[in-house]
Amino acid sequence: MKKARIKRCGECGAELRQGVASCPLCGADSNAPQAADPWAAPVVEVDSYQSNVRNLREQLKKLRDDHPEAV
């Protein structure tokens, strides 16, 4: 029996579930070409990623506070 190939994000290498439109980790289009070696995709540093998430959450909070109808 052949083992099913796991589809990975071409941007961050995260495992993608079948039928998702975008990567749950980085948001990249799941239909984008996958790297020949999924682990050759750029590695996202954890501290940098978490810092970006915090910044985005702050921006979203500001948008919600300033323009609640827009979010």
PDB file of N, CA and C in Angstrom:
ATOM      1  N   MET A   1       0.848  -1.180   0.000  1.00  0.00           N
ATOM      2  CA  MET A   1       0.000   0.000   0.000  1.00  0.00           C
ATOM      3  C   MET A   1       0.895   1.246   0.000  1.00  0.00           C
ATOM      4  N   LYS A   2       0.595   2.179  -0.901  1.00  0.00           N
ATOM      5  CA  LYS A   2       1.373   3.409  -0.974  1.00  0.00           C
ATOM      6  C   LYS A   2       0.944   4.359   0.126  1.00  0.00           C
ATOM      7  N   LYS A   3       1.925   5.030   0.672  1.00  0.00           N
ATOM      8  CA  LYS A   3       1.647   6.040   1.692  1.00  0.00           C
ATOM      9  C   LYS A   3       1.218   7.327   0.983  1.00  0.00           C
ATOM     10  N   ALA A   4       0.151   7.947   1.451  1.00  0.00           N
ATOM     11  CA  ALA A   4      -0.338   9.185   0.844  1.00  0.00           C
ATOM     12  C   ALA A   4       0.698  10.291   1.032  1.00  0.00           C
ATOM     13  N   ARG A   5       0.897  11.073  -0.035  1.00  0.00           N
ATOM     14  CA  ARG A   5       1.821  12.203   0.062  1.00  0.00           C
ATOM     15  C   ARG A   5       1.135  13.324   0.819  1.00  0.00           C
ATOM     16  N   ILE A   6       1.873  13.921   1.694  1.00  0.00           N
ATOM     17  CA  ILE A   6       1.355  15.050   2.465  1.00  0.00           C
ATOM     18  C   ILE A   6       1.634  16.315   1.673  1.00  0.00           C
ATOM     19  N   LYS A   7       0.594  17.113   1.467  1.00  0.00           N
ATOM     20  CA  LYS A   7       0.789  18.386   0.777  1.00  0.00           C
ATOM     21  C   LYS A   7       1.255  19.405   1.805  1.00  0.00           C
ATOM     22  N   ARG A   8       2.282  20.147   1.428  1.00  0.00           N
ATOM     23  CA  ARG A   8       2.854  21.151   2.318  1.00  0.00           C
ATOM     24  C   ARG A   8       2.790  22.515   1.656  1.00  0.00           C
ATOM     25  N   CYS A   9       2.716  23.535   2.488  1.00  0.00           N
ATOM     26  CA  CYS A   9       2.697  24.917   2.035  1.00  0.00           C
ATOM     27  C   CYS A   9       4.022  25.245   1.347  1.00  0.00           C
ATOM     28  N   GLY A  10       3.936  25.902   0.196  1.00  0.00           N
ATOM     29  CA  GLY A  10       5.135  26.295  -0.525  1.00  0.00           C
ATOM     30  C   GLY A  10       5.876  27.444   0.127  1.00  0.00           C
ATOM     31  N   GLU A  11       5.216  28.143   1.046  1.00  0.00           N
ATOM     32  CA  GLU A  11       5.841  29.282   1.730  1.00  0.00           C
ATOM     33  C   GLU A  11       6.522  28.879   3.034  1.00  0.00           C
ATOM     34  N   CYS A  12       5.790  28.170   3.898  1.00  0.00           N
ATOM     35  CA  CYS A  12       6.330  27.893   5.235  1.00  0.00           C
ATOM     36  C   CYS A  12       6.547  26.415   5.523  1.00  0.00           C
ATOM     37  N   GLY A  13       6.046  25.522   4.646  1.00  0.00           N
ATOM     38  CA  GLY A  13       6.248  24.095   4.842  1.00  0.00           C
ATOM     39  C   GLY A  13       5.235  23.431   5.753  1.00  0.00           C
ATOM     40  N   ALA A  14       4.224  24.184   6.204  1.00  0.00           N
ATOM     41  CA  ALA A  14       3.207  23.604   7.087  1.00  0.00           C
ATOM     42  C   ALA A  14       2.393  22.550   6.336  1.00  0.00           C
ATOM     43  N   GLU A  15       1.933  21.529   7.046  1.00  0.00           N
ATOM     44  CA  GLU A  15       1.102  20.505   6.449  1.00  0.00           C
ATOM     45  C   GLU A  15      -0.271  21.106   6.128  1.00  0.00           C
ATOM     46  N   LEU A  16      -0.773  20.812   4.925  1.00  0.00           N
ATOM     47  CA  LEU A  16      -2.065  21.345   4.498  1.00  0.00           C
ATOM     48  C   LEU A  16      -3.088  20.223   4.441  1.00  0.00           C
ATOM     49  N   ARG A  17      -4.248  20.477   4.959  1.00  0.00           N
ATOM     50  CA  ARG A  17      -5.342  19.510   4.861  1.00  0.00           C
ATOM     51  C   ARG A  17      -5.948  19.613   3.470  1.00  0.00           C
ATOM     52  N   GLN A  18      -6.546  18.538   3.024  1.00  0.00           N
ATOM     53  CA  GLN A  18      -7.158  18.510   1.708  1.00  0.00           C
ATOM     54  C   GLN A  18      -8.338  19.489   1.650  1.00  0.00           C
ATOM     55  N   GLY A  19      -8.380  20.291   0.592  1.00  0.00           N
ATOM     56  CA  GLY A  19      -9.504  21.186   0.358  1.00  0.00           C
ATOM     57  C   GLY A  19      -9.392  22.570   0.970  1.00  0.00           C
ATOM     58  N   VAL A  20      -8.314  22.899   1.676  1.00  0.00           N
ATOM     59  CA  VAL A  20      -8.181  24.234   2.253  1.00  0.00           C
ATOM     60  C   VAL A  20      -7.721  25.213   1.180  1.00  0.00           C
ATOM     61  N   ALA A  21      -8.200  26.457   1.263  1.00  0.00           N
ATOM     62  CA  ALA A  21      -7.863  27.473   0.267  1.00  0.00           C
ATOM     63  C   ALA A  21      -6.544  28.161   0.574  1.00  0.00           C
ATOM     64  N   SER A  22      -6.186  28.214   1.867  1.00  0.00           N
ATOM     65  CA  SER A  22      -4.947  28.890   2.235  1.00  0.00           C
ATOM     66  C   SER A  22      -4.309  28.176   3.418  1.00  0.00           C
ATOM     67  N   CYS A  23      -3.028  28.434   3.583  1.00  0.00           N
ATOM     68  CA  CYS A  23      -2.269  27.821   4.670  1.00  0.00           C
ATOM     69  C   CYS A  23      -2.762  28.369   6.006  1.00  0.00           C
ATOM     70  N   PRO A  24      -3.063  27.506   6.983  1.00  0.00           N
ATOM     71  CA  PRO A  24      -3.522  27.985   8.281  1.00  0.00           C
ATOM     72  C   PRO A  24      -2.428  28.674   9.089  1.00  0.00           C
ATOM     73  N   LEU A  25      -1.171  28.462   8.718  1.00  0.00           N
ATOM     74  CA  LEU A  25      -0.079  29.058   9.473  1.00  0.00           C
ATOM     75  C   LEU A  25       0.325  30.421   8.921  1.00  0.00           C
ATOM     76  N   CYS A  26       0.568  30.495   7.600  1.00  0.00           N
ATOM     77  CA  CYS A  26       1.071  31.759   7.037  1.00  0.00           C
ATOM     78  C   CYS A  26       0.078  32.445   6.114  1.00  0.00           C
ATOM     79  N   GLY A  27      -1.004  31.753   5.731  1.00  0.00           N
ATOM     80  CA  GLY A  27      -2.026  32.369   4.888  1.00  0.00           C
ATOM     81  C   GLY A  27      -1.752  32.310   3.400  1.00  0.00           C
ATOM     82  N   ALA A  28      -0.672  31.667   2.986  1.00  0.00           N
ATOM     83  CA  ALA A  28      -0.344  31.571   1.563  1.00  0.00           C
ATOM     84  C   ALA A  28      -1.394  30.734   0.837  1.00  0.00           C
ATOM     85  N   ASP A  29      -1.592  31.017  -0.444  1.00  0.00           N
ATOM     86  CA  ASP A  29      -2.522  30.274  -1.294  1.00  0.00           C
ATOM     87  C   ASP A  29      -2.103  28.807  -1.333  1.00  0.00           C
ATOM     88  N   SER A  30      -3.027  27.901  -1.020  1.00  0.00           N
ATOM     89  CA  SER A  30      -2.673  26.481  -0.976  1.00  0.00           C
ATOM     90  C   SER A  30      -2.500  25.900  -2.371  1.00  0.00           C
ATOM     91  N   ASN A  31      -2.942  26.607  -3.405  1.00  0.00           N
ATOM     92  CA  ASN A  31      -2.786  26.120  -4.771  1.00  0.00           C
ATOM     93  C   ASN A  31      -1.486  26.587  -5.405  1.00  0.00           C
ATOM     94  N   ALA A  32      -0.702  27.356  -4.668  1.00  0.00           N
ATOM     95  CA  ALA A  32       0.591  27.801  -5.177  1.00  0.00           C
ATOM     96  C   ALA A  32       1.483  26.578  -5.352  1.00  0.00           C
ATOM     97  N   PRO A  33       2.400  26.631  -6.313  1.00  0.00           N
ATOM     98  CA  PRO A  33       3.271  25.465  -6.535  1.00  0.00           C
ATOM     99  C   PRO A  33       4.028  25.081  -5.274  1.00  0.00           C
ATOM    100  N   GLN A  34       4.081  23.789  -5.046  1.00  0.00           N
ATOM    101  CA  GLN A  34       4.793  23.270  -3.877  1.00  0.00           C
ATOM    102  C   GLN A  34       6.246  23.067  -4.261  1.00  0.00           C
ATOM    103  N   ALA A  35       7.133  23.404  -3.362  1.00  0.00           N
ATOM    104  CA  ALA A  35       8.555  23.207  -3.614  1.00  0.00           C
ATOM    105  C   ALA A  35       8.834  21.718  -3.804  1.00  0.00           C
ATOM    106  N   ALA A  36       9.807  21.385  -4.636  1.00  0.00           N
ATOM    107  CA  ALA A  36      10.159  19.982  -4.854  1.00  0.00           C
ATOM    108  C   ALA A  36      10.477  19.321  -3.520  1.00  0.00           C
ATOM    109  N   ASP A  37      11.187  20.027  -2.668  1.00  0.00           N
ATOM    110  CA  ASP A  37      11.485  19.569  -1.320  1.00  0.00           C
ATOM    111  C   ASP A  37      10.749  20.510  -0.375  1.00  0.00           C
ATOM    112  N   PRO A  38       9.618  20.074   0.217  1.00  0.00           N
ATOM    113  CA  PRO A  38       8.822  20.989   1.039  1.00  0.00           C
ATOM    114  C   PRO A  38       9.601  21.622   2.179  1.00  0.00           C
ATOM    115  N   TRP A  39      10.654  20.965   2.628  1.00  0.00           N
ATOM    116  CA  TRP A  39      11.428  21.537   3.733  1.00  0.00           C
ATOM    117  C   TRP A  39      12.449  22.546   3.230  1.00  0.00           C
ATOM    118  N   ALA A  40      12.539  22.689   1.902  1.00  0.00           N
ATOM    119  CA  ALA A  40      13.427  23.696   1.333  1.00  0.00           C
ATOM    120  C   ALA A  40      12.750  25.065   1.335  1.00  0.00           C
ATOM    121  N   ALA A  41      11.449  25.090   1.631  1.00  0.00           N
ATOM    122  CA  ALA A  41      10.726  26.361   1.715  1.00  0.00           C
ATOM    123  C   ALA A  41      11.318  27.187   2.849  1.00  0.00           C
ATOM    124  N   PRO A  42      11.224  28.506   2.760  1.00  0.00           N
ATOM    125  CA  PRO A  42      11.790  29.349   3.818  1.00  0.00           C
ATOM    126  C   PRO A  42      11.225  28.975   5.190  1.00  0.00           C
ATOM    127  N   VAL A  43      12.082  28.925   6.161  1.00  0.00           N
ATOM    128  CA  VAL A  43      11.665  28.602   7.521  1.00  0.00           C
ATOM    129  C   VAL A  43      11.309  29.897   8.236  1.00  0.00           C
ATOM    130  N   VAL A  44      10.155  29.898   8.862  1.00  0.00           N
ATOM    131  CA  VAL A  44       9.715  31.065   9.617  1.00  0.00           C
ATOM    132  C   VAL A  44      10.233  30.908  11.040  1.00  0.00           C
ATOM    133  N   GLU A  45      11.023  31.859  11.488  1.00  0.00           N
ATOM    134  CA  GLU A  45      11.527  31.820  12.853  1.00  0.00           C
ATOM    135  C   GLU A  45      10.364  32.031  13.817  1.00  0.00           C
ATOM    136  N   VAL A  46      10.291  31.233  14.855  1.00  0.00           N
ATOM    137  CA  VAL A  46       9.170  31.266  15.794  1.00  0.00           C
ATOM    138  C   VAL A  46       9.022  32.639  16.441  1.00  0.00           C
ATOM    139  N   ASP A  47      10.112  33.216  16.919  1.00  0.00           N
ATOM    140  CA  ASP A  47      10.022  34.520  17.586  1.00  0.00           C
ATOM    141  C   ASP A  47       9.524  35.592  16.629  1.00  0.00           C
ATOM    142  N   SER A  48      10.022  35.572  15.402  1.00  0.00           N
ATOM    143  CA  SER A  48       9.605  36.536  14.396  1.00  0.00           C
ATOM    144  C   SER A  48       8.124  36.351  14.058  1.00  0.00           C
ATOM    145  N   TYR A  49       7.712  35.098  13.885  1.00  0.00           N
ATOM    146  CA  TYR A  49       6.315  34.794  13.578  1.00  0.00           C
ATOM    147  C   TYR A  49       5.402  35.281  14.704  1.00  0.00           C
ATOM    148  N   GLN A  50       5.751  34.965  15.941  1.00  0.00           N
ATOM    149  CA  GLN A  50       4.923  35.371  17.072  1.00  0.00           C
ATOM    150  C   GLN A  50       4.874  36.887  17.199  1.00  0.00           C
ATOM    151  N   SER A  51       5.977  37.562  16.932  1.00  0.00           N
ATOM    152  CA  SER A  51       6.005  39.016  16.959  1.00  0.00           C
ATOM    153  C   SER A  51       5.073  39.586  15.891  1.00  0.00           C
ATOM    154  N   ASN A  52       5.107  39.001  14.702  1.00  0.00           N
ATOM    155  CA  ASN A  52       4.215  39.443  13.628  1.00  0.00           C
ATOM    156  C   ASN A  52       2.751  39.234  14.005  1.00  0.00           C
ATOM    157  N   VAL A  53       2.445  38.105  14.618  1.00  0.00           N
ATOM    158  CA  VAL A  53       1.066  37.834  15.039  1.00  0.00           C
ATOM    159  C   VAL A  53       0.616  38.864  16.077  1.00  0.00           C
ATOM    160  N   ARG A  54       1.488  39.177  17.035  1.00  0.00           N
ATOM    161  CA  ARG A  54       1.146  40.188  18.042  1.00  0.00           C
ATOM    162  C   ARG A  54       0.881  41.540  17.383  1.00  0.00           C
ATOM    163  N   ASN A  55       1.745  41.924  16.438  1.00  0.00           N
ATOM    164  CA  ASN A  55       1.555  43.199  15.738  1.00  0.00           C
ATOM    165  C   ASN A  55       0.243  43.226  14.962  1.00  0.00           C
ATOM    166  N   LEU A  56      -0.063  42.132  14.287  1.00  0.00           N
ATOM    167  CA  LEU A  56      -1.317  42.068  13.530  1.00  0.00           C
ATOM    168  C   LEU A  56      -2.529  42.131  14.450  1.00  0.00           C
ATOM    169  N   ARG A  57      -2.443  41.472  15.599  1.00  0.00           N
ATOM    170  CA  ARG A  57      -3.546  41.533  16.566  1.00  0.00           C
ATOM    171  C   ARG A  57      -3.747  42.957  17.078  1.00  0.00           C
ATOM    172  N   GLU A  58      -2.648  43.669  17.320  1.00  0.00           N
ATOM    173  CA  GLU A  58      -2.743  45.067  17.758  1.00  0.00           C
ATOM    174  C   GLU A  58      -3.379  45.927  16.669  1.00  0.00           C
ATOM    175  N   GLN A  59      -2.991  45.702  15.415  1.00  0.00           N
ATOM    176  CA  GLN A  59      -3.564  46.453  14.308  1.00  0.00           C
ATOM    177  C   GLN A  59      -5.055  46.164  14.173  1.00  0.00           C
ATOM    178  N   LEU A  60      -5.437  44.904  14.313  1.00  0.00           N
ATOM    179  CA  LEU A  60      -6.846  44.534  14.226  1.00  0.00           C
ATOM    180  C   LEU A  60      -7.638  45.158  15.366  1.00  0.00           C
ATOM    181  N   LYS A  61      -7.094  45.153  16.577  1.00  0.00           N
ATOM    182  CA  LYS A  61      -7.768  45.769  17.718  1.00  0.00           C
ATOM    183  C   LYS A  61      -7.980  47.257  17.464  1.00  0.00           C
ATOM    184  N   LYS A  62      -6.958  47.927  16.922  1.00  0.00           N
ATOM    185  CA  LYS A  62      -7.073  49.354  16.618  1.00  0.00           C
ATOM    186  C   LYS A  62      -8.161  49.586  15.570  1.00  0.00           C
ATOM    187  N   LEU A  63      -8.191  48.736  14.542  1.00  0.00           N
ATOM    188  CA  LEU A  63      -9.242  48.860  13.526  1.00  0.00           C
ATOM    189  C   LEU A  63     -10.629  48.674  14.140  1.00  0.00           C
ATOM    190  N   ARG A  64     -10.748  47.689  15.007  1.00  0.00           N
ATOM    191  CA  ARG A  64     -12.043  47.432  15.654  1.00  0.00           C
ATOM    192  C   ARG A  64     -12.464  48.613  16.522  1.00  0.00           C
ATOM    193  N   ASP A  65     -11.483  49.191  17.240  1.00  0.00           N
ATOM    194  CA  ASP A  65     -11.786  50.320  18.108  1.00  0.00           C
ATOM    195  C   ASP A  65     -12.143  51.561  17.305  1.00  0.00           C
ATOM    196  N   ASP A  66     -11.382  51.832  16.233  1.00  0.00           N
ATOM    197  CA  ASP A  66     -11.575  53.041  15.446  1.00  0.00           C
ATOM    198  C   ASP A  66     -12.735  52.941  14.457  1.00  0.00           C
ATOM    199  N   HIS A  67     -12.919  51.771  13.864  1.00  0.00           N
ATOM    200  CA  HIS A  67     -13.936  51.587  12.829  1.00  0.00           C
ATOM    201  C   HIS A  67     -14.632  50.233  13.002  1.00  0.00           C
ATOM    202  N   PRO A  68     -15.471  50.081  14.009  1.00  0.00           N
ATOM    203  CA  PRO A  68     -16.076  48.769  14.262  1.00  0.00           C
ATOM    204  C   PRO A  68     -16.919  48.256  13.095  1.00  0.00           C
ATOM    205  N   GLU A  69     -17.457  49.164  12.275  1.00  0.00           N
ATOM    206  CA  GLU A  69     -18.280  48.736  11.151  1.00  0.00           C
ATOM    207  C   GLU A  69     -17.446  48.124  10.028  1.00  0.00           C
ATOM    208  N   ALA A  70     -16.133  48.385  10.024  1.00  0.00           N
ATOM    209  CA  ALA A  70     -15.271  47.902   8.966  1.00  0.00           C
ATOM    210  C   ALA A  70     -14.790  46.474   9.187  1.00  0.00           C
ATOM    211  N   VAL A  71     -14.877  46.001  10.411  1.00  0.00           N
ATOM    212  CA  VAL A  71     -14.340  44.675  10.726  1.00  0.00           C
ATOM    213  C   VAL A  71     -15.456  43.700  10.983  1.00  0.00           C
TER     214      VAL A  71
END
